[in-house]
Protein backbone atom coordinates (compact mmCIF):
# COMPACT_ATOMS: atom_id res chain seq x y z
CA MET A 1 -54.87 -88.64 -34.42
CA GLY A 2 -56.66 -87.29 -31.40
CA GLN A 3 -53.77 -84.97 -30.57
CA LEU A 4 -54.00 -83.52 -34.06
CA GLY A 5 -57.69 -82.81 -33.60
CA LEU A 6 -58.67 -85.53 -36.05
CA GLY A 7 -60.41 -87.84 -33.59
CA ARG A 8 -63.75 -87.60 -35.38
CA GLN A 9 -62.22 -88.67 -38.67
CA PHE A 10 -60.07 -91.42 -37.17
CA GLY A 11 -63.11 -93.55 -36.50
CA ARG A 12 -63.79 -93.68 -40.24
CA LEU A 13 -60.14 -93.78 -41.25
CA ALA A 14 -59.01 -96.77 -39.19
CA PRO A 15 -61.28 -99.38 -40.85
CA ARG A 16 -60.23 -98.20 -44.31
CA LEU A 17 -56.54 -98.50 -43.43
CA ASP A 18 -57.00 -101.87 -41.72
CA GLY A 19 -55.24 -104.52 -43.75
CA ALA A 20 -53.38 -102.03 -45.94
CA PHE A 21 -50.16 -102.55 -43.98
CA ARG A 22 -48.54 -105.64 -42.55
CA ALA A 23 -47.50 -105.87 -38.92
CA ASP A 24 -43.98 -104.74 -39.91
CA GLY A 25 -45.40 -101.54 -41.48
CA VAL A 26 -44.85 -102.56 -45.10
CA PHE A 27 -47.71 -101.83 -47.49
CA ALA A 28 -49.60 -105.04 -48.26
CA HIS A 29 -49.63 -104.75 -52.04
CA ASP A 30 -50.84 -108.32 -52.36
CA ARG A 31 -54.08 -107.37 -50.56
CA LEU A 32 -54.73 -103.93 -52.01
CA ARG A 33 -53.57 -102.06 -55.08
CA PHE A 34 -51.57 -98.99 -54.09
CA VAL A 35 -53.49 -96.77 -56.52
CA ASP A 36 -56.76 -97.81 -54.88
CA PHE A 37 -55.32 -97.13 -51.43
CA VAL A 38 -54.10 -93.66 -52.45
CA ASP A 39 -57.47 -92.88 -54.00
CA ASP A 40 -59.25 -93.89 -50.78
CA VAL A 41 -56.90 -91.76 -48.69
CA GLU A 42 -57.45 -88.76 -50.96
CA ASP A 43 -61.22 -89.19 -50.57
CA LEU A 44 -60.80 -89.26 -46.79
CA LEU A 45 -58.59 -86.17 -46.88
CA GLU A 46 -61.20 -84.36 -48.96
CA ASP A 47 -63.84 -85.24 -46.36
CA VAL A 48 -61.61 -83.95 -43.57
CA ALA A 49 -60.80 -80.78 -45.51
CA TRP A 50 -64.51 -80.19 -46.09
CA GLN A 51 -65.35 -80.70 -42.42
CA GLU A 52 -62.45 -78.64 -41.10
CA GLN A 53 -62.17 -75.88 -43.71
CA GLY A 54 -65.31 -76.12 -45.82
CA ASP A 55 -63.14 -76.69 -48.90
CA LYS A 56 -62.42 -80.08 -50.47
CA LYS A 57 -59.74 -78.55 -52.70
CA ALA A 58 -57.31 -78.45 -49.78
CA ALA A 59 -56.58 -82.12 -50.56
CA ASP A 60 -56.20 -81.64 -54.31
CA GLY A 61 -53.01 -83.03 -55.71
CA PHE A 62 -52.47 -85.64 -53.01
CA GLU A 63 -53.13 -88.63 -55.25
CA GLU A 64 -51.04 -87.27 -58.11
CA PHE A 65 -48.16 -86.40 -55.77
CA MET A 66 -48.16 -89.82 -54.09
CA LEU A 67 -48.30 -91.76 -57.35
CA ARG A 68 -45.57 -89.64 -58.92
CA HIS A 69 -43.39 -89.83 -55.81
CA TYR A 70 -43.68 -93.58 -55.26
CA SER A 71 -43.66 -94.70 -58.88
CA GLY A 72 -39.93 -94.10 -58.97
């Protein structure tokens, strides 16, 4: 994250991702609903887009894309 210039955001991102994935990298659906996780990530991306570009709309469509892509 630091190499991508996202070090400031990583401090807030890490606690929100903690527990979302098991040690083997598989999403822990028994701990967190995927739709809630995607919504949280979109909120974080909007914050990053606002801080970096001054425009939250840069993250628009993330949630819809993820849910459509992973719903089969």
